[in-house]
Amino acid sequence: MLIASSNFLVPNATFFVELAAFVLFLAIVSKTLLPKINEMIVKRQNTIAESLKVVDESKHLMAEAKSSYDKAVAKAHEDGRAALDQANKMAEEIVAEARKKAQVEYDRIVSKAQVDLEASRQQAIRDLQAQAGELAIEIARKIIESELSPEKHRELIELAIGASKAAG
C-alpha cells in the first residue's frame, strides 16, 4: 500500500469524496443557476433580435423616406422650372404689350405733332397773306397819295422791297 499512497495516479477515498462533491455542485448549479443564466441569455437574444428587427424596419423606413424625399425634390425642381417658364412667358407678354402701347403712343404723338405742324404752317401762311395784303394796301395808299415821278416811283419800290425783307 505504500506504493498506492505515493502514487498520485491511483485514486484514494479523498478523490471519490471530492468527485461526489463536484458532481453534487454541478447538479445544484445546473438546477438553480443554469436556468437563470439560460433565461438571461434567451432574453438577451430576444432583445438583440428585436433590435435587429427595429434596425431593419428603420432602414426600410429610411429608404422609403429617402425615396419620398428624392421624389419631392424632383417635383420641386420641376415645379420651380415650370414657374420660371411661366414667369418668363408672362414677362415676354408684358414686354410685348408695353411695346405695343409704346408704339400706339408714339404713333399718336407723331400724328398730333404732324397735325400741330400743319396747323402752324397754315397759320403762318394766313399770317403772311394778311401781312402781304396789308403791305399791298399800304403800298397802294402811298402810291395814291404821292405823285408818280420816276424818282418817287423808284423810292416806293425800294421802300416796298425793304418792308417785305423786314416782314419776311
C-alpha atoms as a PDB file:
ATOM      1  CA  MET A   1       0.000   0.000   0.000  1.00  0.00           C
ATOM      2  CA  LEU A   2       2.901   2.111   0.221  1.00  0.00           C
ATOM      3  CA  ILE A   3       3.098   2.303  -3.448  1.00  0.00           C
ATOM      4  CA  ALA A   4      -0.524   3.436  -3.711  1.00  0.00           C
ATOM      5  CA  SER A   5      -0.067   6.262  -1.253  1.00  0.00           C
ATOM      6  CA  SER A   6       2.941   7.637  -3.005  1.00  0.00           C
ATOM      7  CA  ASN A   7       1.470   7.361  -6.494  1.00  0.00           C
ATOM      8  CA  PHE A   8      -0.838  10.282  -7.215  1.00  0.00           C
ATOM      9  CA  LEU A   9      -2.423   8.495 -10.175  1.00  0.00           C
ATOM     10  CA  VAL A  10      -4.003   5.821  -8.036  1.00  0.00           C
ATOM     11  CA  PRO A  11      -7.296   7.031  -6.608  1.00  0.00           C
ATOM     12  CA  ASN A  12      -7.942   7.019  -2.934  1.00  0.00           C
ATOM     13  CA  ALA A  13     -11.029   7.789  -0.834  1.00  0.00           C
ATOM     14  CA  THR A  14     -10.457  11.574  -0.905  1.00  0.00           C
ATOM     15  CA  PHE A  15     -10.699  11.515  -4.635  1.00  0.00           C
ATOM     16  CA  PHE A  16     -14.112   9.884  -4.559  1.00  0.00           C
ATOM     17  CA  VAL A  17     -15.390  12.305  -1.948  1.00  0.00           C
ATOM     18  CA  GLU A  18     -14.150  15.252  -3.983  1.00  0.00           C
ATOM     19  CA  LEU A  19     -15.669  13.736  -7.120  1.00  0.00           C
ATOM     20  CA  ALA A  20     -19.022  13.296  -5.381  1.00  0.00           C
ATOM     21  CA  ALA A  21     -18.880  16.891  -4.068  1.00  0.00           C
ATOM     22  CA  PHE A  22     -18.079  18.169  -7.556  1.00  0.00           C
ATOM     23  CA  VAL A  23     -20.939  16.183  -9.137  1.00  0.00           C
ATOM     24  CA  LEU A  24     -23.279  17.425  -6.385  1.00  0.00           C
ATOM     25  CA  PHE A  25     -22.088  21.014  -7.053  1.00  0.00           C
ATOM     26  CA  LEU A  26     -22.703  20.580 -10.797  1.00  0.00           C
ATOM     27  CA  ALA A  27     -26.174  19.193 -10.123  1.00  0.00           C
ATOM     28  CA  ILE A  28     -27.041  22.152  -7.854  1.00  0.00           C
ATOM     29  CA  VAL A  29     -25.622  24.666 -10.328  1.00  0.00           C
ATOM     30  CA  SER A  30     -27.431  23.033 -13.258  1.00  0.00           C
ATOM     31  CA  LYS A  31     -30.725  23.021 -11.356  1.00  0.00           C
ATOM     32  CA  THR A  32     -30.544  26.577  -9.925  1.00  0.00           C
ATOM     33  CA  LEU A  33     -28.078  28.790 -11.797  1.00  0.00           C
ATOM     34  CA  LEU A  34     -28.140  27.398 -15.328  1.00  0.00           C
ATOM     35  CA  PRO A  35     -31.888  28.007 -15.887  1.00  0.00           C
ATOM     36  CA  LYS A  36     -31.461  31.621 -14.767  1.00  0.00           C
ATOM     37  CA  ILE A  37     -28.394  32.051 -16.962  1.00  0.00           C
ATOM     38  CA  ASN A  38     -30.180  30.384 -19.895  1.00  0.00           C
ATOM     39  CA  GLU A  39     -33.207  32.634 -19.286  1.00  0.00           C
ATOM     40  CA  MET A  40     -30.996  35.751 -19.333  1.00  0.00           C
ATOM     41  CA  ILE A  41     -29.272  34.509 -22.497  1.00  0.00           C
ATOM     42  CA  VAL A  42     -32.637  33.901 -24.183  1.00  0.00           C
ATOM     43  CA  LYS A  43     -33.859  37.368 -23.103  1.00  0.00           C
ATOM     44  CA  ARG A  44     -30.686  38.910 -24.462  1.00  0.00           C
ATOM     45  CA  GLN A  45     -31.092  37.014 -27.748  1.00  0.00           C
ATOM     46  CA  ASN A  46     -34.702  38.167 -27.990  1.00  0.00           C
ATOM     47  CA  THR A  47     -33.656  41.769 -27.260  1.00  0.00           C
ATOM     48  CA  ILE A  48     -30.970  41.578 -29.940  1.00  0.00           C
ATOM     49  CA  ALA A  49     -33.429  40.013 -32.402  1.00  0.00           C
ATOM     50  CA  GLU A  50     -35.973  42.776 -31.692  1.00  0.00           C
ATOM     51  CA  SER A  51     -33.252  45.409 -32.059  1.00  0.00           C
ATOM     52  CA  LEU A  52     -32.266  43.910 -35.411  1.00  0.00           C
ATOM     53  CA  LYS A  53     -35.938  43.966 -36.490  1.00  0.00           C
ATOM     54  CA  VAL A  54     -36.179  47.611 -35.450  1.00  0.00           C
ATOM     55  CA  VAL A  55     -32.955  48.366 -37.344  1.00  0.00           C
ATOM     56  CA  ASP A  56     -34.302  46.601 -40.456  1.00  0.00           C
ATOM     57  CA  GLU A  57     -37.610  48.461 -40.177  1.00  0.00           C
ATOM     58  CA  SER A  58     -35.721  51.716 -39.661  1.00  0.00           C
ATOM     59  CA  LYS A  59     -33.594  51.001 -42.733  1.00  0.00           C
ATOM     60  CA  HIS A  60     -36.758  50.276 -44.713  1.00  0.00           C
ATOM     61  CA  LEU A  61     -38.452  53.442 -43.441  1.00  0.00           C
ATOM     62  CA  MET A  62     -35.309  55.440 -44.150  1.00  0.00           C
ATOM     63  CA  ALA A  63     -35.185  54.053 -47.699  1.00  0.00           C
ATOM     64  CA  GLU A  64     -38.865  54.994 -48.169  1.00  0.00           C
ATOM     65  CA  ALA A  65     -38.241  58.433 -46.697  1.00  0.00           C
ATOM     66  CA  LYS A  66     -35.224  58.937 -48.980  1.00  0.00           C
ATOM     67  CA  SER A  67     -37.265  57.848 -51.973  1.00  0.00           C
ATOM     68  CA  SER A  68     -40.070  60.197 -50.956  1.00  0.00           C
ATOM     69  CA  TYR A  69     -37.545  62.994 -50.400  1.00  0.00           C
ATOM     70  CA  ASP A  70     -35.963  62.397 -53.812  1.00  0.00           C
ATOM     71  CA  LYS A  71     -39.407  62.461 -55.445  1.00  0.00           C
ATOM     72  CA  ALA A  72     -40.291  65.661 -53.574  1.00  0.00           C
ATOM     73  CA  VAL A  73     -37.020  67.301 -54.615  1.00  0.00           C
ATOM     74  CA  ALA A  74     -37.558  66.249 -58.234  1.00  0.00           C
ATOM     75  CA  LYS A  75     -41.125  67.590 -58.125  1.00  0.00           C
ATOM     76  CA  ALA A  76     -39.913  70.836 -56.531  1.00  0.00           C
ATOM     77  CA  HIS A  77     -37.326  71.225 -59.303  1.00  0.00           C
ATOM     78  CA  GLU A  78     -39.983  70.513 -61.901  1.00  0.00           C
ATOM     79  CA  ASP A  79     -42.431  72.948 -60.279  1.00  0.00           C
ATOM     80  CA  GLY A  80     -39.708  75.582 -59.994  1.00  0.00           C
ATOM     81  CA  ARG A  81     -38.793  75.138 -63.633  1.00  0.00           C
ATOM     82  CA  ALA A  82     -42.467  75.379 -64.639  1.00  0.00           C
ATOM     83  CA  ALA A  83     -42.905  78.511 -62.502  1.00  0.00           C
ATOM     84  CA  LEU A  84     -39.788  80.033 -64.051  1.00  0.00           C
ATOM     85  CA  ASP A  85     -41.015  79.225 -67.554  1.00  0.00           C
ATOM     86  CA  GLN A  86     -44.405  80.734 -66.746  1.00  0.00           C
ATOM     87  CA  ALA A  87     -42.760  83.855 -65.288  1.00  0.00           C
ATOM     88  CA  ASN A  88     -40.601  84.211 -68.419  1.00  0.00           C
ATOM     89  CA  LYS A  89     -43.671  83.819 -70.617  1.00  0.00           C
ATOM     90  CA  MET A  90     -45.544  86.446 -68.587  1.00  0.00           C
ATOM     91  CA  ALA A  91     -42.548  88.779 -68.780  1.00  0.00           C
ATOM     92  CA  GLU A  92     -42.415  88.373 -72.552  1.00  0.00           C
ATOM     93  CA  GLU A  93     -46.150  89.093 -72.793  1.00  0.00           C
ATOM     94  CA  ILE A  94     -45.769  92.189 -70.595  1.00  0.00           C
ATOM     95  CA  VAL A  95     -42.840  93.425 -72.702  1.00  0.00           C
ATOM     96  CA  ALA A  96     -44.798  92.809 -75.926  1.00  0.00           C
ATOM     97  CA  GLU A  97     -47.822  94.632 -74.527  1.00  0.00           C
ATOM     98  CA  ALA A  98     -45.635  97.527 -73.341  1.00  0.00           C
ATOM     99  CA  ARG A  99     -44.038  97.735 -76.785  1.00  0.00           C
ATOM    100  CA  LYS A 100     -47.460  97.753 -78.400  1.00  0.00           C
ATOM    101  CA  LYS A 101     -48.666 100.529 -76.074  1.00  0.00           C
ATOM    102  CA  ALA A 102     -45.466 102.487 -76.661  1.00  0.00           C
ATOM    103  CA  GLN A 103     -45.898 102.152 -80.439  1.00  0.00           C
ATOM    104  CA  VAL A 104     -49.512 103.337 -80.191  1.00  0.00           C
ATOM    105  CA  GLU A 105     -48.437 106.292 -78.025  1.00  0.00           C
ATOM    106  CA  TYR A 106     -45.574 107.061 -80.433  1.00  0.00           C
ATOM    107  CA  ASP A 107     -47.950 106.986 -83.392  1.00  0.00           C
ATOM    108  CA  ARG A 108     -50.406 109.233 -81.526  1.00  0.00           C
ATOM    109  CA  ILE A 109     -47.672 111.733 -80.621  1.00  0.00           C
ATOM    110  CA  VAL A 110     -46.296 111.775 -84.189  1.00  0.00           C
ATOM    111  CA  SER A 111     -49.805 112.203 -85.603  1.00  0.00           C
ATOM    112  CA  LYS A 112     -50.564 115.042 -83.172  1.00  0.00           C
ATOM    113  CA  ALA A 113     -47.220 116.662 -83.986  1.00  0.00           C
ATOM    114  CA  GLN A 114     -47.988 116.436 -87.711  1.00  0.00           C
ATOM    115  CA  VAL A 115     -51.424 117.959 -87.157  1.00  0.00           C
ATOM    116  CA  ASP A 116     -49.915 120.720 -84.995  1.00  0.00           C
ATOM    117  CA  LEU A 117     -47.192 121.319 -87.587  1.00  0.00           C
ATOM    118  CA  GLU A 118     -49.751 121.543 -90.389  1.00  0.00           C
ATOM    119  CA  ALA A 119     -51.891 123.913 -88.294  1.00  0.00           C
ATOM    120  CA  SER A 120     -48.838 126.082 -87.565  1.00  0.00           C
ATOM    121  CA  ARG A 121     -47.908 126.059 -91.244  1.00  0.00           C
ATOM    122  CA  GLN A 122     -51.443 127.068 -92.248  1.00  0.00           C
ATOM    123  CA  GLN A 123     -51.446 129.827 -89.602  1.00  0.00           C
ATOM    124  CA  ALA A 124     -48.072 131.084 -90.856  1.00  0.00           C
ATOM    125  CA  ILE A 125     -49.425 131.147 -94.417  1.00  0.00           C
ATOM    126  CA  ARG A 126     -52.522 133.060 -93.266  1.00  0.00           C
ATOM    127  CA  ASP A 127     -50.330 135.497 -91.309  1.00  0.00           C
ATOM    128  CA  LEU A 128     -48.071 136.032 -94.339  1.00  0.00           C
ATOM    129  CA  GLN A 129     -51.077 136.508 -96.602  1.00  0.00           C
ATOM    130  CA  ALA A 130     -52.536 139.035 -94.171  1.00  0.00           C
ATOM    131  CA  GLN A 131     -49.223 140.876 -93.935  1.00  0.00           C
ATOM    132  CA  ALA A 132     -48.798 140.782 -97.710  1.00  0.00           C
ATOM    133  CA  GLY A 133     -52.323 142.144 -98.130  1.00  0.00           C
ATOM    134  CA  GLU A 134     -51.694 144.893 -95.588  1.00  0.00           C
ATOM    135  CA  LEU A 135     -48.374 145.653 -97.241  1.00  0.00           C
ATOM    136  CA  ALA A 136     -50.014 145.838-100.669  1.00  0.00           C
ATOM    137  CA  ILE A 137     -52.710 148.137 -99.295  1.00  0.00           C
ATOM    138  CA  GLU A 138     -50.080 150.327 -97.629  1.00  0.00           C
ATOM    139  CA  ILE A 139     -48.037 150.466-100.829  1.00  0.00           C
ATOM    140  CA  ALA A 140     -51.132 151.301-102.860  1.00  0.00           C
ATOM    141  CA  ARG A 141     -52.113 154.013-100.360  1.00  0.00           C
ATOM    142  CA  LYS A 142     -48.653 155.565-100.541  1.00  0.00           C
ATOM    143  CA  ILE A 143     -48.682 155.398-104.313  1.00  0.00           C
ATOM    144  CA  ILE A 144     -52.042 157.054-104.459  1.00  0.00           C
ATOM    145  CA  GLU A 145     -51.013 159.781-102.001  1.00  0.00           C
ATOM    146  CA  SER A 146     -47.810 160.639-103.736  1.00  0.00           C
ATOM    147  CA  GLU A 147     -47.255 161.762-107.209  1.00  0.00           C
ATOM    148  CA  LEU A 148     -45.739 159.322-109.638  1.00  0.00           C
ATOM    149  CA  SER A 149     -42.472 160.689-110.743  1.00  0.00           C
ATOM    150  CA  PRO A 150     -39.743 158.270-111.822  1.00  0.00           C
ATOM    151  CA  GLU A 151     -37.705 159.074-108.727  1.00  0.00           C
ATOM    152  CA  LYS A 152     -40.670 158.728-106.465  1.00  0.00           C
ATOM    153  CA  HIS A 153     -41.592 155.532-108.170  1.00  0.00           C
ATOM    154  CA  ARG A 154     -38.098 154.095-107.541  1.00  0.00           C
ATOM    155  CA  GLU A 155     -38.217 155.140-103.874  1.00  0.00           C
ATOM    156  CA  LEU A 156     -41.561 153.461-103.417  1.00  0.00           C
ATOM    157  CA  ILE A 157     -40.250 150.236-104.964  1.00  0.00           C
ATOM    158  CA  GLU A 158     -37.199 150.295-102.726  1.00  0.00           C
ATOM    159  CA  LEU A 159     -39.416 151.028 -99.726  1.00  0.00           C
ATOM    160  CA  ALA A 160     -41.686 148.085-100.614  1.00  0.00           C
ATOM    161  CA  ILE A 161     -38.676 145.782-101.059  1.00  0.00           C
ATOM    162  CA  GLY A 162     -37.244 146.917 -97.724  1.00  0.00           C
ATOM    163  CA  ALA A 163     -40.623 146.411 -95.989  1.00  0.00           C
ATOM    164  CA  SER A 164     -41.024 142.915 -97.471  1.00  0.00           C
ATOM    165  CA  LYS A 165     -37.492 141.974 -96.357  1.00  0.00           C
ATOM    166  CA  ALA A 166     -38.222 143.282 -92.860  1.00  0.00           C
ATOM    167  CA  ALA A 167     -41.508 141.317 -92.699  1.00  0.00           C
ATOM    168  CA  GLY A 168     -40.018 138.068 -94.078  1.00  0.00           C
END
